[in-house]
Amino acid sequence: MLGVPTYWRDFGNDTEKDPYLHTVLKKADIIHPWFVGRFNEDSCENFKHRIQEDQDWRTANHVEYVPTVFPGFSWHNMYNKSP
């Protein structure tokens, strides 16, 4: 399993622009994109499309795909002042 940046497929934003990246990824059994902090309730719709396109790439290249799932964050959980 290889962890990859969010924009691994199209070499965007957080990804090294080296096309050899895809050669390496095609040798992996599983790719694991990192989405933590990349979207919120206002921008999650765009990531549905990104994840679907990631799925299309992985299907075409016979690689498994495990997107990062995270529960979010709340200051309440960090500083619970309940009695």
C-alpha atoms as a PDB file:
ATOM      1  CA  MET A   1       0.000   0.000   0.000  1.00  0.00           C
ATOM      2  CA  LEU A   2       1.315   3.414  -0.971  1.00  0.00           C
ATOM      3  CA  GLY A   3       0.109   6.656   0.550  1.00  0.00           C
ATOM      4  CA  VAL A   4      -0.292   9.369  -2.056  1.00  0.00           C
ATOM      5  CA  PRO A   5      -1.163  13.071  -2.038  1.00  0.00           C
ATOM      6  CA  THR A   6      -4.743  14.140  -2.703  1.00  0.00           C
ATOM      7  CA  TYR A   7      -4.096  15.266  -6.282  1.00  0.00           C
ATOM      8  CA  TRP A   8      -1.908  12.310  -7.283  1.00  0.00           C
ATOM      9  CA  ARG A   9      -3.868  11.379 -10.406  1.00  0.00           C
ATOM     10  CA  ASP A  10      -3.615  14.720 -12.222  1.00  0.00           C
ATOM     11  CA  PHE A  11      -0.363  15.959 -10.622  1.00  0.00           C
ATOM     12  CA  GLY A  12      -2.194  18.893  -9.052  1.00  0.00           C
ATOM     13  CA  ASN A  13      -1.550  21.100  -6.019  1.00  0.00           C
ATOM     14  CA  ASP A  14       0.253  18.838  -3.526  1.00  0.00           C
ATOM     15  CA  THR A  15       1.816  16.325  -5.927  1.00  0.00           C
ATOM     16  CA  GLU A  16       5.264  16.041  -7.462  1.00  0.00           C
ATOM     17  CA  LYS A  17       4.908  16.686 -11.205  1.00  0.00           C
ATOM     18  CA  ASP A  18       6.947  13.624 -12.223  1.00  0.00           C
ATOM     19  CA  PRO A  19       5.070  11.294 -14.614  1.00  0.00           C
ATOM     20  CA  TYR A  20       7.108   8.385 -13.201  1.00  0.00           C
ATOM     21  CA  LEU A  21       4.769   8.590 -10.186  1.00  0.00           C
ATOM     22  CA  HIS A  22       2.068   6.748 -12.128  1.00  0.00           C
ATOM     23  CA  THR A  23       4.561   4.074 -13.177  1.00  0.00           C
ATOM     24  CA  VAL A  24       5.337   3.453  -9.515  1.00  0.00           C
ATOM     25  CA  LEU A  25       1.658   3.516  -8.512  1.00  0.00           C
ATOM     26  CA  LYS A  26       0.786   0.890 -11.107  1.00  0.00           C
ATOM     27  CA  LYS A  27       3.207  -1.478  -9.352  1.00  0.00           C
ATOM     28  CA  ALA A  28       1.426  -1.098  -5.999  1.00  0.00           C
ATOM     29  CA  ASP A  29      -1.378  -3.315  -4.769  1.00  0.00           C
ATOM     30  CA  ILE A  30      -3.233  -0.462  -3.080  1.00  0.00           C
ATOM     31  CA  ILE A  31      -3.062   3.328  -3.280  1.00  0.00           C
ATOM     32  CA  HIS A  32      -4.203   5.399  -0.327  1.00  0.00           C
ATOM     33  CA  PRO A  33      -4.878   9.096  -1.058  1.00  0.00           C
ATOM     34  CA  TRP A  34      -4.688  11.551   1.837  1.00  0.00           C
ATOM     35  CA  PHE A  35      -7.794  13.771   2.073  1.00  0.00           C
ATOM     36  CA  VAL A  36      -7.548  14.999   5.666  1.00  0.00           C
ATOM     37  CA  GLY A  37      -8.215  18.734   5.798  1.00  0.00           C
ATOM     38  CA  ARG A  38      -8.790  18.980   2.052  1.00  0.00           C
ATOM     39  CA  PHE A  39     -12.539  19.538   2.067  1.00  0.00           C
ATOM     40  CA  ASN A  40     -15.468  20.560   4.216  1.00  0.00           C
ATOM     41  CA  GLU A  41     -19.242  20.528   3.884  1.00  0.00           C
ATOM     42  CA  ASP A  42     -19.059  23.347   1.311  1.00  0.00           C
ATOM     43  CA  SER A  43     -16.477  21.725  -0.944  1.00  0.00           C
ATOM     44  CA  CYS A  44     -17.198  18.005  -0.502  1.00  0.00           C
ATOM     45  CA  GLU A  45     -19.221  17.809  -3.718  1.00  0.00           C
ATOM     46  CA  ASN A  46     -16.060  18.456  -5.771  1.00  0.00           C
ATOM     47  CA  PHE A  47     -14.313  15.608  -3.979  1.00  0.00           C
ATOM     48  CA  LYS A  48     -17.068  13.158  -4.884  1.00  0.00           C
ATOM     49  CA  HIS A  49     -16.094  13.736  -8.518  1.00  0.00           C
ATOM     50  CA  ARG A  50     -12.369  13.500  -7.738  1.00  0.00           C
ATOM     51  CA  ILE A  51     -12.836  10.200  -5.917  1.00  0.00           C
ATOM     52  CA  GLN A  52     -14.924   8.807  -8.773  1.00  0.00           C
ATOM     53  CA  GLU A  53     -12.229   9.770 -11.270  1.00  0.00           C
ATOM     54  CA  ASP A  54      -9.610   8.201  -8.974  1.00  0.00           C
ATOM     55  CA  GLN A  55     -11.734   5.034  -8.971  1.00  0.00           C
ATOM     56  CA  ASP A  56     -11.879   5.060 -12.768  1.00  0.00           C
ATOM     57  CA  TRP A  57      -8.063   5.342 -12.945  1.00  0.00           C
ATOM     58  CA  ARG A  58      -7.504   2.550 -10.452  1.00  0.00           C
ATOM     59  CA  THR A  59      -9.967   0.249 -12.244  1.00  0.00           C
ATOM     60  CA  ALA A  60      -8.247   0.859 -15.582  1.00  0.00           C
ATOM     61  CA  ASN A  61      -4.861   0.171 -13.977  1.00  0.00           C
ATOM     62  CA  HIS A  62      -5.874  -2.803 -11.794  1.00  0.00           C
ATOM     63  CA  VAL A  63      -4.905  -1.197  -8.483  1.00  0.00           C
ATOM     64  CA  GLU A  64      -6.980  -1.243  -5.295  1.00  0.00           C
ATOM     65  CA  TYR A  65      -7.975   2.090  -3.752  1.00  0.00           C
ATOM     66  CA  VAL A  66      -8.538   3.048  -0.125  1.00  0.00           C
ATOM     67  CA  PRO A  67      -9.548   6.681   0.414  1.00  0.00           C
ATOM     68  CA  THR A  68      -8.832   8.207   3.807  1.00  0.00           C
ATOM     69  CA  VAL A  69     -11.848   8.383   6.057  1.00  0.00           C
ATOM     70  CA  PHE A  70     -11.765  10.722   9.008  1.00  0.00           C
ATOM     71  CA  PRO A  71     -14.413  11.785  11.489  1.00  0.00           C
ATOM     72  CA  GLY A  72     -13.636  15.492  11.380  1.00  0.00           C
ATOM     73  CA  PHE A  73     -12.695  17.676  14.305  1.00  0.00           C
ATOM     74  CA  SER A  74     -14.398  19.513  17.100  1.00  0.00           C
ATOM     75  CA  TRP A  75     -12.852  21.883  19.628  1.00  0.00           C
ATOM     76  CA  HIS A  76     -15.502  20.561  22.002  1.00  0.00           C
ATOM     77  CA  ASN A  77     -13.821  17.167  21.980  1.00  0.00           C
ATOM     78  CA  MET A  78     -10.448  18.713  22.677  1.00  0.00           C
ATOM     79  CA  TYR A  79     -11.544  21.102  25.418  1.00  0.00           C
ATOM     80  CA  ASN A  80     -14.666  19.548  26.916  1.00  0.00           C
ATOM     81  CA  LYS A  81     -15.653  21.802  29.804  1.00  0.00           C
ATOM     82  CA  SER A  82     -18.659  19.738  30.845  1.00  0.00           C
ATOM     83  CA  PRO A  83     -18.917  19.003  34.578  1.00  0.00           C
END
